[in-house]
């Protein structure tokens, strides 16, 4: 599958009160860093923040302002009282990608029915793709399986690279790029969205 442009940067944001306080080991963040590096991104260690809407928003906004190509959060997407990652993300998004978010939920619903309770969003701000994943290793694996085949195409479109879009043979301009996520059967071994968060 095509990779991101050379030197493309990604940032992983782990949203978890417990991981932030050091009483819970962040497992999903490092797994996500490894997976994104495997897709060809330049990825530093995860940034760990508590389940505080303002702090989550500030980290994502700073990454966008720095020209980061991809920001992926893990944690805080469920129904717990401290799960606020979607709320922190929504106000930043200029355009939502509901097909991508739904593909990620669909990836695990047959094996783990509670996967559909994840409220994670996907969308863009400027030329940055922003994705919320559940705070579980299973949710991260499923998210990576869905992202892998489409992320390079999405970033090319954000850069206005129509030649790249045409060369992939997809009708992305009609809105099908994200909604075709073929990794929907990979199985979701995670929780409802807040495994390491809250």
N, C-alpha and C. Protein backbone atom coordinates (compact mmCIF):
# COMPACT_ATOMS: atom_id res chain seq x y z
N UNK A 1 0.85 -1.19 0.00
CA UNK A 1 0.00 0.00 0.00
C UNK A 1 0.89 1.24 0.00
N UNK A 2 0.41 2.36 -0.57
CA UNK A 2 1.22 3.57 -0.60
C UNK A 2 1.41 4.13 0.79
N UNK A 3 2.57 4.75 1.00
CA UNK A 3 2.87 5.33 2.30
C UNK A 3 2.70 6.83 2.27
N UNK A 4 2.88 7.47 3.43
CA UNK A 4 2.80 8.92 3.49
C UNK A 4 4.00 9.54 2.79
N UNK A 5 3.94 10.85 2.53
CA UNK A 5 5.10 11.50 1.89
C UNK A 5 6.32 11.42 2.79
N UNK A 6 7.51 11.42 2.23
CA UNK A 6 8.74 11.34 3.04
C UNK A 6 8.78 12.44 4.10
N UNK A 7 9.11 12.05 5.31
CA UNK A 7 9.23 13.02 6.39
C UNK A 7 7.92 13.41 7.04
N UNK A 8 6.82 12.79 6.63
CA UNK A 8 5.52 13.13 7.21
C UNK A 8 5.53 12.80 8.70
N UNK A 9 5.07 13.74 9.50
CA UNK A 9 5.07 13.56 10.94
C UNK A 9 3.69 13.19 11.45
N UNK A 10 3.67 12.32 12.45
CA UNK A 10 2.43 11.96 13.13
C UNK A 10 2.63 12.17 14.62
N UNK A 11 1.56 12.43 15.33
CA UNK A 11 1.61 12.58 16.78
C UNK A 11 0.56 11.69 17.41
N UNK A 12 0.95 10.95 18.42
CA UNK A 12 0.04 10.11 19.20
C UNK A 12 -0.24 10.81 20.52
N UNK A 13 -1.51 10.95 20.85
CA UNK A 13 -1.92 11.57 22.11
C UNK A 13 -2.70 10.54 22.92
N UNK A 14 -2.13 10.11 24.04
CA UNK A 14 -2.82 9.19 24.94
C UNK A 14 -3.60 10.03 25.95
N UNK A 15 -4.91 9.78 25.99
CA UNK A 15 -5.79 10.53 26.90
C UNK A 15 -6.18 9.60 28.04
N UNK A 16 -5.62 9.84 29.21
CA UNK A 16 -5.87 8.95 30.35
C UNK A 16 -5.45 9.61 31.65
N UNK A 17 -6.40 9.77 32.55
CA UNK A 17 -6.06 10.30 33.87
C UNK A 17 -5.03 9.42 34.56
N UNK A 18 -5.27 8.11 34.52
CA UNK A 18 -4.39 7.18 35.24
C UNK A 18 -2.99 7.12 34.65
N UNK A 19 -2.90 7.08 33.33
CA UNK A 19 -1.57 7.07 32.70
C UNK A 19 -0.85 8.38 32.96
N UNK A 20 -1.58 9.46 32.95
CA UNK A 20 -0.97 10.77 33.20
C UNK A 20 -0.42 10.85 34.61
N UNK A 21 -1.09 10.23 35.56
CA UNK A 21 -0.62 10.24 36.95
C UNK A 21 0.42 9.17 37.22
N UNK A 22 0.68 8.30 36.24
CA UNK A 22 1.70 7.28 36.40
C UNK A 22 1.25 6.05 37.16
N UNK A 23 -0.07 5.88 37.32
CA UNK A 23 -0.56 4.71 38.04
C UNK A 23 -1.10 3.65 37.09
N UNK A 24 -1.04 3.93 35.81
CA UNK A 24 -1.52 3.00 34.80
C UNK A 24 -0.54 3.07 33.64
N UNK A 25 0.00 1.94 33.24
CA UNK A 25 0.94 1.94 32.12
C UNK A 25 0.21 2.21 30.81
N UNK A 26 0.72 3.13 30.05
CA UNK A 26 0.16 3.44 28.74
C UNK A 26 0.56 2.34 27.77
N UNK A 27 -0.39 1.51 27.39
CA UNK A 27 -0.11 0.43 26.45
C UNK A 27 -0.55 0.78 25.04
N UNK A 28 -1.66 1.49 24.91
CA UNK A 28 -2.18 1.77 23.58
C UNK A 28 -1.34 2.81 22.84
N UNK A 29 -0.80 3.81 23.58
CA UNK A 29 0.01 4.84 22.92
C UNK A 29 1.25 4.30 22.24
N UNK A 30 2.10 3.55 22.97
CA UNK A 30 3.29 3.00 22.31
C UNK A 30 2.96 2.05 21.16
N UNK A 31 1.87 1.29 21.28
CA UNK A 31 1.47 0.41 20.19
C UNK A 31 1.09 1.22 18.96
N UNK A 32 0.43 2.34 19.19
CA UNK A 32 0.04 3.21 18.09
C UNK A 32 1.25 3.86 17.44
N UNK A 33 2.22 4.29 18.25
CA UNK A 33 3.46 4.85 17.70
C UNK A 33 4.15 3.82 16.81
N UNK A 34 4.24 2.59 17.29
CA UNK A 34 4.88 1.52 16.51
C UNK A 34 4.15 1.30 15.19
N UNK A 35 2.83 1.27 15.26
CA UNK A 35 2.04 1.03 14.05
C UNK A 35 2.16 2.15 13.04
N UNK A 36 2.14 3.39 13.51
CA UNK A 36 2.25 4.52 12.58
C UNK A 36 3.65 4.61 11.98
N UNK A 37 4.67 4.28 12.79
CA UNK A 37 6.03 4.24 12.25
C UNK A 37 6.12 3.17 11.16
N UNK A 38 5.43 2.06 11.37
CA UNK A 38 5.41 1.00 10.38
C UNK A 38 4.74 1.42 9.08
N UNK A 39 3.85 2.41 9.16
CA UNK A 39 3.20 2.93 7.96
C UNK A 39 4.07 3.97 7.26
N UNK A 40 5.18 4.36 7.90
CA UNK A 40 6.10 5.28 7.26
C UNK A 40 6.14 6.68 7.86
N UNK A 41 5.49 6.89 8.99
CA UNK A 41 5.48 8.21 9.62
C UNK A 41 6.68 8.39 10.55
N UNK A 42 7.07 9.64 10.72
CA UNK A 42 8.05 10.02 11.74
C UNK A 42 7.24 10.32 12.99
N UNK A 43 7.36 9.47 14.02
CA UNK A 43 6.49 9.56 15.20
C UNK A 43 7.31 9.60 16.48
N UNK A 44 7.18 10.66 17.27
CA UNK A 44 7.84 10.69 18.57
C UNK A 44 7.07 9.85 19.59
N UNK A 45 7.57 9.81 20.81
CA UNK A 45 6.87 9.10 21.88
C UNK A 45 5.50 9.74 22.11
N UNK A 46 4.54 8.98 22.63
CA UNK A 46 3.21 9.54 22.84
C UNK A 46 3.23 10.70 23.83
N UNK A 47 2.35 11.65 23.60
CA UNK A 47 2.09 12.71 24.57
C UNK A 47 0.92 12.22 25.43
N UNK A 48 1.12 12.18 26.74
CA UNK A 48 0.08 11.67 27.64
C UNK A 48 -0.56 12.85 28.36
N UNK A 49 -1.87 12.96 28.22
CA UNK A 49 -2.61 14.05 28.85
C UNK A 49 -3.77 13.47 29.66
N UNK A 50 -4.24 14.18 30.68
CA UNK A 50 -5.39 13.72 31.43
C UNK A 50 -6.67 13.92 30.65
N UNK A 51 -7.75 13.36 31.16
CA UNK A 51 -9.06 13.50 30.51
C UNK A 51 -9.63 14.89 30.80
N UNK A 52 -8.97 15.90 30.26
CA UNK A 52 -9.38 17.29 30.42
C UNK A 52 -9.52 17.90 29.03
N UNK A 53 -10.73 18.37 28.72
CA UNK A 53 -11.01 18.82 27.36
C UNK A 53 -10.04 19.90 26.89
N UNK A 54 -9.76 20.88 27.72
CA UNK A 54 -8.89 21.97 27.30
C UNK A 54 -7.48 21.49 26.98
N UNK A 55 -6.98 20.54 27.77
CA UNK A 55 -5.62 20.05 27.54
C UNK A 55 -5.54 19.22 26.26
N UNK A 56 -6.56 18.41 26.01
CA UNK A 56 -6.59 17.61 24.78
C UNK A 56 -6.62 18.53 23.57
N UNK A 57 -7.51 19.52 23.61
CA UNK A 57 -7.64 20.46 22.50
C UNK A 57 -6.33 21.19 22.25
N UNK A 58 -5.67 21.62 23.32
CA UNK A 58 -4.44 22.39 23.18
C UNK A 58 -3.34 21.58 22.50
N UNK A 59 -3.22 20.30 22.86
CA UNK A 59 -2.18 19.46 22.26
C UNK A 59 -2.46 19.23 20.77
N UNK A 60 -3.71 18.96 20.43
CA UNK A 60 -4.05 18.75 19.02
C UNK A 60 -3.83 20.03 18.22
N UNK A 61 -4.29 21.15 18.77
CA UNK A 61 -4.14 22.43 18.07
C UNK A 61 -2.66 22.76 17.82
N UNK A 62 -1.83 22.52 18.81
CA UNK A 62 -0.40 22.80 18.66
C UNK A 62 0.21 21.92 17.58
N UNK A 63 -0.21 20.66 17.51
CA UNK A 63 0.31 19.76 16.49
C UNK A 63 -0.10 20.22 15.09
N UNK A 64 -1.35 20.65 14.96
CA UNK A 64 -1.81 21.17 13.67
C UNK A 64 -1.01 22.41 13.28
N UNK A 65 -0.84 23.33 14.24
CA UNK A 65 -0.10 24.56 13.96
C UNK A 65 1.35 24.28 13.57
N UNK A 66 1.90 23.16 14.06
CA UNK A 66 3.28 22.79 13.74
C UNK A 66 3.40 22.04 12.41
N UNK A 67 2.27 21.84 11.74
CA UNK A 67 2.31 21.18 10.44
C UNK A 67 2.33 19.67 10.49
N UNK A 68 1.94 19.08 11.62
CA UNK A 68 1.88 17.63 11.73
C UNK A 68 0.85 17.08 10.77
N UNK A 69 1.21 16.02 10.04
CA UNK A 69 0.31 15.48 9.02
C UNK A 69 -0.86 14.70 9.63
N UNK A 70 -0.59 13.98 10.72
CA UNK A 70 -1.59 13.09 11.29
C UNK A 70 -1.53 13.17 12.81
N UNK A 71 -2.67 13.35 13.45
CA UNK A 71 -2.77 13.30 14.90
C UNK A 71 -3.77 12.21 15.25
N UNK A 72 -3.33 11.24 16.05
CA UNK A 72 -4.22 10.15 16.46
C UNK A 72 -4.26 10.13 17.98
N UNK A 73 -5.46 10.22 18.52
CA UNK A 73 -5.63 10.11 19.97
C UNK A 73 -6.07 8.70 20.32
N UNK A 74 -5.77 8.28 21.53
CA UNK A 74 -6.24 6.99 22.02
C UNK A 74 -6.74 7.18 23.44
N UNK A 75 -8.00 6.81 23.66
CA UNK A 75 -8.60 6.95 24.97
C UNK A 75 -9.64 8.05 25.03
N UNK A 76 -10.56 7.89 25.98
CA UNK A 76 -11.53 8.93 26.25
C UNK A 76 -12.67 9.04 25.26
N UNK A 77 -12.96 7.96 24.52
CA UNK A 77 -14.03 8.03 23.51
C UNK A 77 -15.32 7.33 23.94
N UNK A 78 -15.34 6.80 25.15
CA UNK A 78 -16.51 6.05 25.60
C UNK A 78 -17.57 6.91 26.25
N UNK A 79 -18.35 6.31 27.14
CA UNK A 79 -19.49 6.98 27.75
C UNK A 79 -19.23 7.38 29.20
N UNK A 80 -18.02 7.16 29.69
CA UNK A 80 -17.70 7.53 31.07
C UNK A 80 -17.79 9.03 31.28
N UNK A 81 -18.04 9.44 32.51
CA UNK A 81 -18.17 10.87 32.79
C UNK A 81 -16.93 11.68 32.47
N UNK A 82 -15.76 11.03 32.43
CA UNK A 82 -14.51 11.73 32.12
C UNK A 82 -14.10 11.57 30.65
N UNK A 83 -14.89 10.87 29.86
CA UNK A 83 -14.56 10.64 28.45
C UNK A 83 -14.97 11.85 27.61
N UNK A 84 -14.00 12.70 27.29
CA UNK A 84 -14.30 13.96 26.60
C UNK A 84 -13.47 14.16 25.34
N UNK A 85 -12.78 13.13 24.88
CA UNK A 85 -11.92 13.30 23.69
C UNK A 85 -12.70 13.76 22.46
N UNK A 86 -13.87 13.17 22.16
CA UNK A 86 -14.62 13.67 20.99
C UNK A 86 -15.02 15.13 21.12
N UNK A 87 -15.41 15.53 22.33
CA UNK A 87 -15.78 16.93 22.53
C UNK A 87 -14.58 17.85 22.34
N UNK A 88 -13.42 17.41 22.80
CA UNK A 88 -12.20 18.19 22.65
C UNK A 88 -11.78 18.30 21.19
N UNK A 89 -12.13 17.29 20.40
CA UNK A 89 -11.74 17.23 18.99
C UNK A 89 -12.72 17.97 18.09
N UNK A 90 -14.00 17.85 18.39
CA UNK A 90 -15.03 18.34 17.46
C UNK A 90 -14.87 19.82 17.13
N UNK A 91 -14.56 20.63 18.13
CA UNK A 91 -14.46 22.06 17.89
C UNK A 91 -13.29 22.45 17.01
N UNK A 92 -12.31 21.55 16.86
CA UNK A 92 -11.15 21.83 16.02
C UNK A 92 -11.37 21.43 14.56
N UNK A 93 -12.26 20.50 14.33
CA UNK A 93 -12.42 19.95 12.98
C UNK A 93 -13.09 20.95 12.04
N UNK A 94 -12.48 21.13 10.90
CA UNK A 94 -13.09 21.95 9.84
C UNK A 94 -13.99 21.09 8.96
N UNK A 95 -13.59 19.83 8.78
CA UNK A 95 -14.40 18.89 8.01
C UNK A 95 -14.35 17.53 8.69
N UNK A 96 -15.51 16.93 8.93
CA UNK A 96 -15.54 15.60 9.52
C UNK A 96 -15.47 14.53 8.44
N UNK A 97 -14.96 13.36 8.84
CA UNK A 97 -14.90 12.19 7.95
C UNK A 97 -15.69 11.07 8.61
N UNK A 98 -17.01 11.15 8.54
CA UNK A 98 -17.83 10.15 9.24
C UNK A 98 -17.61 8.73 8.74
N UNK A 99 -17.29 8.58 7.47
CA UNK A 99 -17.07 7.23 6.94
C UNK A 99 -15.88 6.55 7.59
N UNK A 100 -14.83 7.32 7.86
CA UNK A 100 -13.64 6.76 8.49
C UNK A 100 -13.94 6.37 9.94
N UNK A 101 -14.63 7.24 10.65
CA UNK A 101 -14.98 6.94 12.04
C UNK A 101 -15.89 5.72 12.12
N UNK A 102 -16.84 5.63 11.20
CA UNK A 102 -17.76 4.48 11.22
C UNK A 102 -17.04 3.19 10.85
N UNK A 103 -16.09 3.26 9.93
CA UNK A 103 -15.33 2.06 9.56
C UNK A 103 -14.57 1.52 10.77
N UNK A 104 -14.06 2.42 11.59
CA UNK A 104 -13.32 1.99 12.77
C UNK A 104 -14.24 1.33 13.80
N UNK A 105 -15.44 1.88 13.95
CA UNK A 105 -16.39 1.23 14.86
C UNK A 105 -16.82 -0.13 14.31
N UNK A 106 -17.04 -0.18 12.99
CA UNK A 106 -17.49 -1.42 12.37
C UNK A 106 -16.44 -2.51 12.44
N UNK A 107 -15.17 -2.11 12.58
CA UNK A 107 -14.08 -3.09 12.55
C UNK A 107 -14.20 -4.14 13.63
N UNK A 108 -14.82 -3.81 14.75
CA UNK A 108 -14.85 -4.79 15.83
C UNK A 108 -16.22 -5.19 16.33
N UNK A 109 -17.27 -4.68 15.73
CA UNK A 109 -18.59 -4.88 16.34
C UNK A 109 -19.05 -6.33 16.33
N UNK A 110 -18.59 -7.14 15.37
CA UNK A 110 -19.02 -8.54 15.35
C UNK A 110 -18.43 -9.33 16.51
N UNK A 111 -17.18 -9.00 16.87
CA UNK A 111 -16.53 -9.72 17.97
C UNK A 111 -16.79 -9.06 19.32
N UNK A 112 -16.81 -7.74 19.34
CA UNK A 112 -17.01 -7.00 20.58
C UNK A 112 -18.14 -6.00 20.35
N UNK A 113 -19.36 -6.37 20.71
CA UNK A 113 -20.51 -5.51 20.42
C UNK A 113 -20.35 -4.09 20.97
N UNK A 114 -19.63 -3.93 22.09
CA UNK A 114 -19.49 -2.60 22.68
C UNK A 114 -18.60 -1.67 21.85
N UNK A 115 -17.98 -2.19 20.81
CA UNK A 115 -17.17 -1.33 19.94
C UNK A 115 -18.00 -0.19 19.37
N UNK A 116 -19.29 -0.42 19.17
CA UNK A 116 -20.14 0.63 18.59
C UNK A 116 -20.39 1.77 19.56
N UNK A 117 -20.02 1.61 20.82
CA UNK A 117 -20.21 2.67 21.81
C UNK A 117 -19.09 3.71 21.78
N UNK A 118 -18.03 3.43 21.05
CA UNK A 118 -16.97 4.42 20.91
C UNK A 118 -17.51 5.62 20.14
N UNK A 119 -17.26 6.80 20.66
CA UNK A 119 -17.76 8.03 20.03
C UNK A 119 -16.68 8.75 19.25
N UNK A 120 -15.60 8.04 18.94
CA UNK A 120 -14.47 8.65 18.27
C UNK A 120 -14.83 9.33 16.96
N UNK A 121 -14.16 10.44 16.70
CA UNK A 121 -14.36 11.22 15.48
C UNK A 121 -13.16 11.10 14.56
N UNK A 122 -13.35 11.48 13.33
CA UNK A 122 -12.24 11.62 12.37
C UNK A 122 -12.56 12.83 11.51
N UNK A 123 -11.53 13.58 11.20
CA UNK A 123 -11.76 14.75 10.37
C UNK A 123 -10.46 15.47 10.09
N UNK A 124 -10.57 16.68 9.55
CA UNK A 124 -9.39 17.43 9.15
C UNK A 124 -9.44 18.85 9.68
N UNK A 125 -8.26 19.39 9.90
CA UNK A 125 -8.08 20.81 10.16
C UNK A 125 -6.85 21.24 9.39
N UNK A 126 -7.00 22.25 8.56
CA UNK A 126 -5.92 22.65 7.64
C UNK A 126 -5.50 21.41 6.84
N UNK A 127 -4.22 21.04 6.88
CA UNK A 127 -3.77 19.86 6.14
C UNK A 127 -3.45 18.70 7.07
N UNK A 128 -4.05 18.71 8.27
CA UNK A 128 -3.84 17.65 9.25
C UNK A 128 -5.05 16.75 9.34
N UNK A 129 -4.81 15.45 9.33
CA UNK A 129 -5.85 14.46 9.56
C UNK A 129 -5.85 14.14 11.05
N UNK A 130 -7.03 14.19 11.68
CA UNK A 130 -7.17 13.95 13.11
C UNK A 130 -8.12 12.79 13.32
N UNK A 131 -7.69 11.81 14.12
CA UNK A 131 -8.47 10.60 14.34
C UNK A 131 -8.50 10.26 15.82
N UNK A 132 -9.69 9.94 16.34
CA UNK A 132 -9.83 9.45 17.72
C UNK A 132 -9.98 7.94 17.71
N UNK A 133 -9.13 7.24 18.48
CA UNK A 133 -9.26 5.80 18.65
C UNK A 133 -9.58 5.48 20.11
N UNK A 134 -10.17 4.31 20.35
CA UNK A 134 -10.42 3.89 21.73
C UNK A 134 -9.12 3.72 22.50
N UNK A 135 -9.23 3.68 23.81
CA UNK A 135 -8.06 3.53 24.66
C UNK A 135 -7.75 2.09 24.99
N UNK A 136 -7.71 1.25 23.98
CA UNK A 136 -7.42 -0.17 24.18
C UNK A 136 -6.50 -0.64 23.07
N UNK A 137 -5.72 -1.67 23.36
CA UNK A 137 -4.81 -2.17 22.33
C UNK A 137 -5.59 -2.76 21.16
N UNK A 138 -6.71 -3.40 21.44
CA UNK A 138 -7.52 -3.94 20.35
C UNK A 138 -8.08 -2.84 19.47
N UNK A 139 -8.55 -1.77 20.10
CA UNK A 139 -9.08 -0.64 19.34
C UNK A 139 -8.01 0.01 18.49
N UNK A 140 -6.80 0.09 19.02
CA UNK A 140 -5.68 0.67 18.26
C UNK A 140 -5.35 -0.21 17.07
N UNK A 141 -5.27 -1.53 17.28
CA UNK A 141 -4.95 -2.43 16.16
C UNK A 141 -6.00 -2.32 15.05
N UNK A 142 -7.27 -2.29 15.44
CA UNK A 142 -8.32 -2.17 14.44
C UNK A 142 -8.26 -0.82 13.73
N UNK A 143 -7.98 0.23 14.50
CA UNK A 143 -7.87 1.55 13.89
C UNK A 143 -6.74 1.62 12.88
N UNK A 144 -5.61 1.03 13.22
CA UNK A 144 -4.47 1.01 12.30
C UNK A 144 -4.81 0.21 11.04
N UNK A 145 -5.56 -0.88 11.20
CA UNK A 145 -5.92 -1.69 10.04
C UNK A 145 -6.83 -0.92 9.09
N UNK A 146 -7.67 -0.05 9.64
CA UNK A 146 -8.55 0.77 8.80
C UNK A 146 -7.77 1.94 8.20
N UNK A 147 -6.91 2.56 9.00
CA UNK A 147 -6.15 3.72 8.53
C UNK A 147 -5.13 3.36 7.45
N UNK A 148 -4.48 2.22 7.62
CA UNK A 148 -3.37 1.85 6.74
C UNK A 148 -3.65 2.02 5.26
N UNK A 149 -4.75 1.46 4.74
CA UNK A 149 -4.99 1.54 3.30
C UNK A 149 -5.43 2.92 2.79
N UNK A 150 -5.84 3.82 3.68
CA UNK A 150 -6.41 5.09 3.21
C UNK A 150 -5.65 6.34 3.63
N UNK A 151 -4.73 6.23 4.60
CA UNK A 151 -4.16 7.45 5.15
C UNK A 151 -3.30 8.21 4.15
N UNK A 152 -2.52 7.53 3.35
CA UNK A 152 -1.68 8.23 2.37
C UNK A 152 -2.55 8.96 1.35
N UNK A 153 -3.62 8.32 0.94
CA UNK A 153 -4.55 8.93 -0.02
C UNK A 153 -5.20 10.17 0.58
N UNK A 154 -5.61 10.06 1.85
CA UNK A 154 -6.24 11.20 2.52
C UNK A 154 -5.28 12.38 2.61
N UNK A 155 -4.04 12.10 3.00
CA UNK A 155 -3.06 13.18 3.15
C UNK A 155 -2.72 13.81 1.80
N UNK A 156 -2.68 12.99 0.75
CA UNK A 156 -2.43 13.53 -0.59
C UNK A 156 -3.55 14.49 -0.99
N UNK A 157 -4.78 14.12 -0.70
CA UNK A 157 -5.91 15.00 -1.02
C UNK A 157 -5.82 16.31 -0.23
N UNK A 158 -5.44 16.20 1.04
CA UNK A 158 -5.33 17.41 1.86
C UNK A 158 -4.26 18.36 1.32
N UNK A 159 -3.23 17.79 0.72
CA UNK A 159 -2.17 18.61 0.12
C UNK A 159 -2.55 19.12 -1.26
N UNK A 160 -3.71 18.70 -1.78
CA UNK A 160 -4.12 19.10 -3.11
C UNK A 160 -3.44 18.32 -4.21
N UNK A 161 -2.92 17.14 -3.86
CA UNK A 161 -2.20 16.30 -4.82
C UNK A 161 -3.20 15.47 -5.61
N UNK A 162 -3.79 16.08 -6.64
CA UNK A 162 -4.81 15.38 -7.42
C UNK A 162 -4.21 14.28 -8.28
N UNK A 163 -2.93 14.40 -8.64
CA UNK A 163 -2.30 13.33 -9.41
C UNK A 163 -2.26 12.05 -8.59
N UNK A 164 -1.92 12.19 -7.30
CA UNK A 164 -1.89 11.02 -6.42
C UNK A 164 -3.29 10.42 -6.32
N UNK A 165 -4.29 11.30 -6.16
CA UNK A 165 -5.66 10.80 -6.01
C UNK A 165 -6.09 10.03 -7.24
N UNK A 166 -5.71 10.55 -8.42
CA UNK A 166 -6.12 9.87 -9.65
C UNK A 166 -5.41 8.54 -9.81
N UNK A 167 -4.15 8.49 -9.36
CA UNK A 167 -3.36 7.29 -9.60
C UNK A 167 -3.81 6.11 -8.75
N UNK A 168 -4.57 6.36 -7.69
CA UNK A 168 -4.98 5.25 -6.83
C UNK A 168 -6.19 4.51 -7.38
N UNK A 169 -6.87 5.13 -8.35
CA UNK A 169 -8.00 4.45 -8.95
C UNK A 169 -9.26 4.47 -8.11
N UNK A 170 -9.30 5.33 -7.08
CA UNK A 170 -10.49 5.41 -6.25
C UNK A 170 -11.27 6.67 -6.59
N UNK A 171 -12.56 6.62 -6.40
CA UNK A 171 -13.40 7.80 -6.63
C UNK A 171 -13.48 8.62 -5.36
N UNK A 172 -12.30 9.01 -4.87
CA UNK A 172 -12.26 9.70 -3.57
C UNK A 172 -12.98 11.02 -3.61
N UNK A 173 -12.97 11.67 -4.78
CA UNK A 173 -13.60 12.99 -4.84
C UNK A 173 -15.10 12.91 -4.69
N UNK A 174 -15.66 11.73 -4.81
CA UNK A 174 -17.10 11.58 -4.62
C UNK A 174 -17.44 11.16 -3.21
N UNK A 175 -16.42 11.06 -2.35
CA UNK A 175 -16.68 10.79 -0.95
C UNK A 175 -16.53 9.34 -0.55
N UNK A 176 -15.95 8.51 -1.41
CA UNK A 176 -15.87 7.09 -1.09
C UNK A 176 -14.54 6.66 -0.49
N UNK A 177 -13.57 7.56 -0.42
CA UNK A 177 -12.24 7.14 0.01
C UNK A 177 -12.26 6.58 1.42
N UNK A 178 -12.96 7.28 2.32
CA UNK A 178 -12.93 6.83 3.71
C UNK A 178 -13.93 5.73 3.98
N UNK A 179 -15.07 5.77 3.25
CA UNK A 179 -16.14 4.86 3.62
C UNK A 179 -15.94 3.45 3.10
N UNK A 180 -14.90 3.23 2.31
CA UNK A 180 -14.70 1.90 1.77
C UNK A 180 -13.86 1.01 2.65
N UNK A 181 -13.50 1.49 3.85
CA UNK A 181 -12.58 0.78 4.74
C UNK A 181 -12.72 -0.73 4.72
N UNK A 182 -11.83 -1.40 4.03
CA UNK A 182 -11.94 -2.85 3.85
C UNK A 182 -11.46 -3.63 5.05
N UNK A 183 -10.98 -2.94 6.07
CA UNK A 183 -10.48 -3.65 7.24
C UNK A 183 -11.58 -3.86 8.27
N UNK A 184 -12.83 -3.79 7.82
CA UNK A 184 -13.94 -3.83 8.77
C UNK A 184 -14.09 -5.18 9.44
N UNK A 185 -13.40 -6.20 8.97
CA UNK A 185 -13.57 -7.51 9.57
C UNK A 185 -12.38 -7.94 10.42
N UNK A 186 -11.55 -6.96 10.81
CA UNK A 186 -10.33 -7.33 11.53
C UNK A 186 -10.56 -7.71 12.97
N UNK A 187 -11.73 -7.37 13.52
CA UNK A 187 -12.01 -7.74 14.90
C UNK A 187 -11.51 -6.71 15.87
N UNK A 188 -12.36 -6.34 16.80
CA UNK A 188 -12.06 -5.29 17.76
C UNK A 188 -11.97 -5.91 19.12
N UNK A 189 -10.74 -6.01 19.62
CA UNK A 189 -10.55 -6.67 20.91
C UNK A 189 -10.57 -5.66 22.05
N UNK A 190 -11.01 -4.45 21.73
CA UNK A 190 -10.94 -3.40 22.75
C UNK A 190 -12.22 -3.22 23.51
N UNK A 191 -12.26 -2.10 24.25
CA UNK A 191 -13.42 -1.81 25.07
C UNK A 191 -14.31 -0.84 24.34
N UNK A 192 -15.17 -0.16 25.08
CA UNK A 192 -16.12 0.75 24.46
C UNK A 192 -15.51 2.09 24.13
N UNK A 193 -14.25 2.28 24.43
CA UNK A 193 -13.61 3.50 23.99
C UNK A 193 -12.78 4.18 25.06
N UNK A 194 -12.75 3.71 26.27
CA UNK A 194 -11.99 4.41 27.28
C UNK A 194 -11.07 3.52 28.07
N UNK A 195 -10.53 2.48 27.47
CA UNK A 195 -9.75 1.50 28.22
C UNK A 195 -8.61 2.07 29.00
N UNK A 196 -7.80 2.92 28.37
CA UNK A 196 -6.71 3.52 29.12
C UNK A 196 -7.04 4.94 29.53
N UNK A 197 -8.21 5.36 29.14
CA UNK A 197 -8.63 6.71 29.52
C UNK A 197 -9.60 6.66 30.66
N UNK A 198 -9.71 7.78 31.37
CA UNK A 198 -10.69 7.91 32.43
C UNK A 198 -10.30 7.15 33.65
